[in-house]
């Protein structure tokens, strides 16, 4: 998120410099505005994706907790199947968390 904010800041500064120096023609200003608009769209899309991933991780954490709560030692062979399912869900959550951490602009 800092990188995208920094990029927007750089664009704004460049636009101001061109405008103040009188060197910017209408085409340059339109290009800068288009770049800023594109960056804002990318940031919004990233935020939506991050929110969706957070919701998915929360849902899977709830499923894991429910499975762990329902697992009892006296359930015989079924406990092994539940343990496998819990391990699978935990691995999936870890993979999603790793993907979330690798997403540009993500806030851990």
C-alpha atoms as a PDB file:
ATOM      1  CA  UNK A   1       0.000   0.000   0.000  1.00  0.00           C
ATOM      2  CA  UNK A   2       2.901   2.333   0.685  1.00  0.00           C
ATOM      3  CA  UNK A   3       4.267   1.699  -2.807  1.00  0.00           C
ATOM      4  CA  UNK A   4       0.982   2.627  -4.462  1.00  0.00           C
ATOM      5  CA  UNK A   5       0.607   5.707  -2.276  1.00  0.00           C
ATOM      6  CA  UNK A   6       4.173   6.641  -3.117  1.00  0.00           C
ATOM      7  CA  UNK A   7       3.446   6.173  -6.836  1.00  0.00           C
ATOM      8  CA  UNK A   8       0.373   8.379  -6.591  1.00  0.00           C
ATOM      9  CA  UNK A   9       2.423  10.976  -4.747  1.00  0.00           C
ATOM     10  CA  UNK A  10       5.099  10.926  -7.428  1.00  0.00           C
ATOM     11  CA  UNK A  11       2.481  11.385 -10.128  1.00  0.00           C
ATOM     12  CA  UNK A  12       0.923  14.281  -8.240  1.00  0.00           C
ATOM     13  CA  UNK A  13       4.310  15.921  -7.730  1.00  0.00           C
ATOM     14  CA  UNK A  14       5.215  15.515 -11.391  1.00  0.00           C
ATOM     15  CA  UNK A  15       1.884  17.000 -12.415  1.00  0.00           C
ATOM     16  CA  UNK A  16       2.458  19.970 -10.128  1.00  0.00           C
ATOM     17  CA  UNK A  17       5.988  20.511 -11.419  1.00  0.00           C
ATOM     18  CA  UNK A  18       4.843  20.431 -15.036  1.00  0.00           C
ATOM     19  CA  UNK A  19       1.959  22.762 -14.301  1.00  0.00           C
ATOM     20  CA  UNK A  20       4.109  25.227 -12.367  1.00  0.00           C
ATOM     21  CA  UNK A  21       6.915  25.209 -14.895  1.00  0.00           C
ATOM     22  CA  UNK A  22       4.485  25.724 -17.750  1.00  0.00           C
ATOM     23  CA  UNK A  23       6.078  22.782 -19.556  1.00  0.00           C
ATOM     24  CA  UNK A  24       3.072  20.529 -19.421  1.00  0.00           C
ATOM     25  CA  UNK A  25       0.856  20.509 -22.424  1.00  0.00           C
ATOM     26  CA  UNK A  26      -2.690  19.207 -22.372  1.00  0.00           C
ATOM     27  CA  UNK A  27      -1.580  15.739 -23.538  1.00  0.00           C
ATOM     28  CA  UNK A  28       0.862  15.339 -20.655  1.00  0.00           C
ATOM     29  CA  UNK A  29      -1.761  16.324 -18.114  1.00  0.00           C
ATOM     30  CA  UNK A  30      -4.286  13.924 -19.618  1.00  0.00           C
ATOM     31  CA  UNK A  31      -1.727  11.118 -19.491  1.00  0.00           C
ATOM     32  CA  UNK A  32      -0.915  11.854 -15.853  1.00  0.00           C
ATOM     33  CA  UNK A  33      -4.598  11.921 -14.974  1.00  0.00           C
ATOM     34  CA  UNK A  34      -5.135   8.646 -16.824  1.00  0.00           C
ATOM     35  CA  UNK A  35      -2.200   7.059 -14.978  1.00  0.00           C
ATOM     36  CA  UNK A  36      -3.579   8.195 -11.643  1.00  0.00           C
ATOM     37  CA  UNK A  37      -7.038   6.865 -12.525  1.00  0.00           C
ATOM     38  CA  UNK A  38      -5.531   3.508 -13.528  1.00  0.00           C
ATOM     39  CA  UNK A  39      -3.511   3.271 -10.308  1.00  0.00           C
ATOM     40  CA  UNK A  40      -6.583   4.033  -8.222  1.00  0.00           C
ATOM     41  CA  UNK A  41      -8.474   1.279 -10.027  1.00  0.00           C
ATOM     42  CA  UNK A  42      -5.658  -1.183  -9.367  1.00  0.00           C
ATOM     43  CA  UNK A  43      -5.613  -0.259  -5.674  1.00  0.00           C
ATOM     44  CA  UNK A  44      -9.379  -0.731  -5.405  1.00  0.00           C
ATOM     45  CA  UNK A  45      -9.175  -4.141  -7.106  1.00  0.00           C
ATOM     46  CA  UNK A  46      -6.352  -5.214  -4.778  1.00  0.00           C
ATOM     47  CA  UNK A  47      -8.349  -4.145  -1.733  1.00  0.00           C
ATOM     48  CA  UNK A  48     -11.363  -6.135  -2.916  1.00  0.00           C
ATOM     49  CA  UNK A  49      -9.208  -9.204  -3.454  1.00  0.00           C
ATOM     50  CA  UNK A  50      -7.607  -8.818  -0.020  1.00  0.00           C
ATOM     51  CA  UNK A  51     -11.024  -8.485   1.627  1.00  0.00           C
ATOM     52  CA  UNK A  52     -12.270 -11.594  -0.180  1.00  0.00           C
ATOM     53  CA  UNK A  53      -9.192 -13.564   0.907  1.00  0.00           C
ATOM     54  CA  UNK A  54      -9.605 -12.411   4.501  1.00  0.00           C
ATOM     55  CA  UNK A  55     -13.246 -13.559   4.473  1.00  0.00           C
ATOM     56  CA  UNK A  56     -12.247 -16.923   3.030  1.00  0.00           C
ATOM     57  CA  UNK A  57      -9.511 -17.401   5.640  1.00  0.00           C
ATOM     58  CA  UNK A  58     -11.956 -16.500   8.430  1.00  0.00           C
ATOM     59  CA  UNK A  59     -14.502 -18.984   7.092  1.00  0.00           C
ATOM     60  CA  UNK A  60     -11.912 -21.745   6.912  1.00  0.00           C
ATOM     61  CA  UNK A  61     -10.671 -20.940  10.421  1.00  0.00           C
ATOM     62  CA  UNK A  62     -14.260 -21.300  11.632  1.00  0.00           C
ATOM     63  CA  UNK A  63     -14.523 -24.662   9.875  1.00  0.00           C
ATOM     64  CA  UNK A  64     -11.288 -25.834  11.463  1.00  0.00           C
ATOM     65  CA  UNK A  65     -12.442 -24.794  14.919  1.00  0.00           C
ATOM     66  CA  UNK A  66     -15.762 -26.562  14.416  1.00  0.00           C
ATOM     67  CA  UNK A  67     -14.025 -29.741  13.291  1.00  0.00           C
ATOM     68  CA  UNK A  68     -11.646 -29.606  16.231  1.00  0.00           C
ATOM     69  CA  UNK A  69     -14.532 -29.029  18.620  1.00  0.00           C
ATOM     70  CA  UNK A  70     -16.544 -31.950  17.220  1.00  0.00           C
ATOM     71  CA  UNK A  71     -13.595 -34.380  17.199  1.00  0.00           C
ATOM     72  CA  UNK A  72     -13.649 -36.691  20.214  1.00  0.00           C
ATOM     73  CA  UNK A  73     -11.083 -39.342  21.144  1.00  0.00           C
ATOM     74  CA  UNK A  74     -13.734 -42.073  21.520  1.00  0.00           C
ATOM     75  CA  UNK A  75     -15.114 -41.711  18.012  1.00  0.00           C
ATOM     76  CA  UNK A  76     -12.837 -44.472  16.720  1.00  0.00           C
ATOM     77  CA  UNK A  77     -11.833 -44.472  13.054  1.00  0.00           C
ATOM     78  CA  UNK A  78     -13.770 -41.296  12.323  1.00  0.00           C
ATOM     79  CA  UNK A  79     -11.267 -39.218  14.341  1.00  0.00           C
ATOM     80  CA  UNK A  80      -8.503 -40.081  11.898  1.00  0.00           C
ATOM     81  CA  UNK A  81     -10.609 -38.813   8.992  1.00  0.00           C
ATOM     82  CA  UNK A  82     -11.389 -35.612  10.881  1.00  0.00           C
ATOM     83  CA  UNK A  83      -7.727 -35.101  11.715  1.00  0.00           C
ATOM     84  CA  UNK A  84      -6.884 -35.469   8.040  1.00  0.00           C
ATOM     85  CA  UNK A  85      -9.582 -32.940   7.137  1.00  0.00           C
ATOM     86  CA  UNK A  86      -8.361 -30.498   9.793  1.00  0.00           C
ATOM     87  CA  UNK A  87      -4.783 -30.846   8.554  1.00  0.00           C
ATOM     88  CA  UNK A  88      -5.955 -30.246   4.991  1.00  0.00           C
ATOM     89  CA  UNK A  89      -7.897 -27.132   5.986  1.00  0.00           C
ATOM     90  CA  UNK A  90      -4.980 -25.806   8.022  1.00  0.00           C
ATOM     91  CA  UNK A  91      -2.668 -26.262   5.028  1.00  0.00           C
ATOM     92  CA  UNK A  92      -5.155 -24.424   2.819  1.00  0.00           C
ATOM     93  CA  UNK A  93      -5.420 -21.554   5.304  1.00  0.00           C
ATOM     94  CA  UNK A  94      -1.639 -21.284   5.497  1.00  0.00           C
ATOM     95  CA  UNK A  95      -1.445 -21.188   1.694  1.00  0.00           C
ATOM     96  CA  UNK A  96      -4.065 -18.423   1.582  1.00  0.00           C
ATOM     97  CA  UNK A  97      -2.255 -16.465   4.263  1.00  0.00           C
ATOM     98  CA  UNK A  98       1.002 -16.801   2.332  1.00  0.00           C
ATOM     99  CA  UNK A  99      -0.767 -15.562  -0.803  1.00  0.00           C
ATOM    100  CA  UNK A 100      -2.225 -12.662   1.132  1.00  0.00           C
ATOM    101  CA  UNK A 101       1.215 -11.742   2.461  1.00  0.00           C
ATOM    102  CA  UNK A 102       2.605 -11.831  -1.087  1.00  0.00           C
ATOM    103  CA  UNK A 103      -0.138  -9.566  -2.481  1.00  0.00           C
ATOM    104  CA  UNK A 104       1.235  -6.139  -3.390  1.00  0.00           C
ATOM    105  CA  UNK A 105      -0.170  -3.456  -1.170  1.00  0.00           C
ATOM    106  CA  UNK A 106      -1.475  -5.951   1.401  1.00  0.00           C
ATOM    107  CA  UNK A 107      -1.428  -4.984   5.038  1.00  0.00           C
ATOM    108  CA  UNK A 108      -0.447  -7.978   7.179  1.00  0.00           C
END
